Amino acid sequence: MKVAERNENVVVGLIAKRTQVAVANALGIDRTNFNRFHNSRGHGLSLKKFCELLELLGLDLSRLEGAPEIPEDVDTVTMPRAEYEAMLERQDAMRTLLKHSLGD
């Protein structure tokens, strides 16, 4: 895994610990703008490019104390627990709906 990819994983993990809304509020920026930056949509400097900039500057955030552990060989998706649990609830609701609509 390249340094820029490790940097991106660390940044995403640290943001997830605080939530995007909390980070945007702390920075004094609109949460929608921060979300677009975080998801690399609608801004000239994406999170991926920002992490490449950190690498260019010689910074490897994965070496910082408190950086999240990122497995080298596994793609990792990080999201707040509440969002994950809501996703599971929607998934269960969809299963139930499909089960009833198929007459099973």
C-alpha atoms as a PDB file:
ATOM      1  CA  MET A   1       0.000   0.000   0.000  1.00  0.00           C
ATOM      2  CA  LYS A   2       1.383   3.394  -0.997  1.00  0.00           C
ATOM      3  CA  VAL A   3       1.974   6.116   1.591  1.00  0.00           C
ATOM      4  CA  ALA A   4      -0.790   8.261   0.052  1.00  0.00           C
ATOM      5  CA  GLU A   5      -3.258   5.383   0.441  1.00  0.00           C
ATOM      6  CA  ARG A   6      -2.215   4.880   4.075  1.00  0.00           C
ATOM      7  CA  ASN A   7      -2.578   8.632   4.652  1.00  0.00           C
ATOM      8  CA  GLU A   8      -6.091   8.532   3.176  1.00  0.00           C
ATOM      9  CA  ASN A   9      -7.067   5.590   5.375  1.00  0.00           C
ATOM     10  CA  VAL A  10      -5.747   7.352   8.488  1.00  0.00           C
ATOM     11  CA  VAL A  11      -7.543  10.624   7.638  1.00  0.00           C
ATOM     12  CA  VAL A  12     -10.821   8.803   6.912  1.00  0.00           C
ATOM     13  CA  GLY A  13     -10.510   6.791  10.137  1.00  0.00           C
ATOM     14  CA  LEU A  14      -9.812   9.861  12.245  1.00  0.00           C
ATOM     15  CA  ILE A  15     -12.722  11.743  10.665  1.00  0.00           C
ATOM     16  CA  ALA A  16     -15.005   8.772  11.342  1.00  0.00           C
ATOM     17  CA  LYS A  17     -14.083   8.857  15.037  1.00  0.00           C
ATOM     18  CA  ARG A  18     -15.384  12.431  15.228  1.00  0.00           C
ATOM     19  CA  THR A  19     -18.060  12.306  12.445  1.00  0.00           C
ATOM     20  CA  GLN A  20     -18.055  14.549   9.387  1.00  0.00           C
ATOM     21  CA  VAL A  21     -20.566  16.951  10.958  1.00  0.00           C
ATOM     22  CA  ALA A  22     -18.419  17.460  14.072  1.00  0.00           C
ATOM     23  CA  VAL A  23     -15.295  18.053  11.955  1.00  0.00           C
ATOM     24  CA  ALA A  24     -17.106  20.538   9.710  1.00  0.00           C
ATOM     25  CA  ASN A  25     -18.471  22.396  12.751  1.00  0.00           C
ATOM     26  CA  ALA A  26     -15.026  22.494  14.379  1.00  0.00           C
ATOM     27  CA  LEU A  27     -13.533  23.928  11.176  1.00  0.00           C
ATOM     28  CA  GLY A  28     -16.393  26.420  10.834  1.00  0.00           C
ATOM     29  CA  ILE A  29     -17.377  25.215   7.366  1.00  0.00           C
ATOM     30  CA  ASP A  30     -20.656  24.005   5.935  1.00  0.00           C
ATOM     31  CA  ARG A  31     -21.100  20.269   6.525  1.00  0.00           C
ATOM     32  CA  THR A  32     -22.224  19.798   2.910  1.00  0.00           C
ATOM     33  CA  ASN A  33     -18.969  21.292   1.625  1.00  0.00           C
ATOM     34  CA  PHE A  34     -16.944  19.113   3.968  1.00  0.00           C
ATOM     35  CA  ASN A  35     -18.903  16.039   2.839  1.00  0.00           C
ATOM     36  CA  ARG A  36     -18.134  16.850  -0.808  1.00  0.00           C
ATOM     37  CA  PHE A  37     -14.439  17.200   0.025  1.00  0.00           C
ATOM     38  CA  HIS A  38     -14.485  13.985   2.056  1.00  0.00           C
ATOM     39  CA  ASN A  39     -16.183  12.064  -0.774  1.00  0.00           C
ATOM     40  CA  SER A  40     -14.088  13.699  -3.532  1.00  0.00           C
ATOM     41  CA  ARG A  41     -17.074  15.330  -5.221  1.00  0.00           C
ATOM     42  CA  GLY A  42     -17.389  18.902  -6.378  1.00  0.00           C
ATOM     43  CA  HIS A  43     -14.064  20.336  -5.248  1.00  0.00           C
ATOM     44  CA  GLY A  44     -10.758  20.765  -7.048  1.00  0.00           C
ATOM     45  CA  LEU A  45      -8.792  19.227  -4.178  1.00  0.00           C
ATOM     46  CA  SER A  46     -10.137  15.786  -3.339  1.00  0.00           C
ATOM     47  CA  LEU A  47      -9.283  13.893  -0.176  1.00  0.00           C
ATOM     48  CA  LYS A  48      -7.237  11.482  -2.295  1.00  0.00           C
ATOM     49  CA  LYS A  49      -5.204  14.350  -3.816  1.00  0.00           C
ATOM     50  CA  PHE A  50      -4.812  15.952  -0.378  1.00  0.00           C
ATOM     51  CA  CYS A  51      -3.320  12.676   0.906  1.00  0.00           C
ATOM     52  CA  GLU A  52      -1.030  12.535  -2.129  1.00  0.00           C
ATOM     53  CA  LEU A  53       0.079  16.073  -1.176  1.00  0.00           C
ATOM     54  CA  LEU A  54       0.894  14.849   2.338  1.00  0.00           C
ATOM     55  CA  GLU A  55       3.023  12.088   0.804  1.00  0.00           C
ATOM     56  CA  LEU A  56       4.737  14.594  -1.500  1.00  0.00           C
ATOM     57  CA  LEU A  57       5.602  16.648   1.579  1.00  0.00           C
ATOM     58  CA  GLY A  58       7.128  13.560   3.188  1.00  0.00           C
ATOM     59  CA  LEU A  59       4.325  12.977   5.698  1.00  0.00           C
ATOM     60  CA  ASP A  60       3.183   9.443   6.542  1.00  0.00           C
ATOM     61  CA  LEU A  61       0.245   9.764   8.923  1.00  0.00           C
ATOM     62  CA  SER A  62       0.114   6.017   9.547  1.00  0.00           C
ATOM     63  CA  ARG A  63       3.196   6.429  11.732  1.00  0.00           C
ATOM     64  CA  LEU A  64       1.514   8.884  14.087  1.00  0.00           C
ATOM     65  CA  GLU A  65       0.594   7.768  17.574  1.00  0.00           C
ATOM     66  CA  GLY A  66      -3.102   6.965  17.685  1.00  0.00           C
ATOM     67  CA  ALA A  67      -3.431   6.368  13.938  1.00  0.00           C
ATOM     68  CA  PRO A  68      -5.986   3.654  13.138  1.00  0.00           C
ATOM     69  CA  GLU A  69      -4.610   0.226  12.234  1.00  0.00           C
ATOM     70  CA  ILE A  70      -5.041  -0.323   8.501  1.00  0.00           C
ATOM     71  CA  PRO A  71      -4.457  -3.847   7.176  1.00  0.00           C
ATOM     72  CA  GLU A  72      -2.086  -3.812   4.194  1.00  0.00           C
ATOM     73  CA  ASP A  73      -4.004  -6.352   2.108  1.00  0.00           C
ATOM     74  CA  VAL A  74      -7.640  -5.445   2.793  1.00  0.00           C
ATOM     75  CA  ASP A  75      -9.819  -2.624   1.488  1.00  0.00           C
ATOM     76  CA  THR A  76     -11.336  -0.859   4.480  1.00  0.00           C
ATOM     77  CA  VAL A  77     -14.541   1.138   4.676  1.00  0.00           C
ATOM     78  CA  THR A  78     -15.033   3.276   7.769  1.00  0.00           C
ATOM     79  CA  MET A  79     -18.333   4.784   8.863  1.00  0.00           C
ATOM     80  CA  PRO A  80     -19.887   5.893  12.128  1.00  0.00           C
ATOM     81  CA  ARG A  81     -21.603   3.066  14.057  1.00  0.00           C
ATOM     82  CA  ALA A  82     -25.012   4.795  13.925  1.00  0.00           C
ATOM     83  CA  GLU A  83     -24.812   4.997  10.126  1.00  0.00           C
ATOM     84  CA  TYR A  84     -23.779   1.326   9.939  1.00  0.00           C
ATOM     85  CA  GLU A  85     -26.649   0.236  12.203  1.00  0.00           C
ATOM     86  CA  ALA A  86     -29.140   2.296  10.179  1.00  0.00           C
ATOM     87  CA  MET A  87     -27.858   0.622   7.019  1.00  0.00           C
ATOM     88  CA  LEU A  88     -28.431  -2.812   8.596  1.00  0.00           C
ATOM     89  CA  GLU A  89     -31.974  -1.838   9.606  1.00  0.00           C
ATOM     90  CA  ARG A  90     -32.746  -0.711   6.038  1.00  0.00           C
ATOM     91  CA  GLN A  91     -31.299  -3.963   4.740  1.00  0.00           C
ATOM     92  CA  ASP A  92     -33.535  -5.988   7.089  1.00  0.00           C
ATOM     93  CA  ALA A  93     -36.567  -3.936   6.041  1.00  0.00           C
ATOM     94  CA  MET A  94     -35.799  -4.596   2.372  1.00  0.00           C
ATOM     95  CA  ARG A  95     -35.477  -8.345   3.042  1.00  0.00           C
ATOM     96  CA  THR A  96     -38.852  -8.350   4.800  1.00  0.00           C
ATOM     97  CA  LEU A  97     -40.464  -6.381   1.974  1.00  0.00           C
ATOM     98  CA  LEU A  98     -39.051  -8.751  -0.655  1.00  0.00           C
ATOM     99  CA  LYS A  99     -40.063 -11.793   1.329  1.00  0.00           C
ATOM    100  CA  HIS A 100     -43.690 -10.576   1.610  1.00  0.00           C
ATOM    101  CA  SER A 101     -43.882  -9.408  -2.006  1.00  0.00           C
ATOM    102  CA  LEU A 102     -42.661 -12.785  -3.260  1.00  0.00           C
ATOM    103  CA  GLY A 103     -45.244 -14.545  -1.080  1.00  0.00           C
ATOM    104  CA  ASP A 104     -42.696 -16.403   0.986  1.00  0.00           C
END
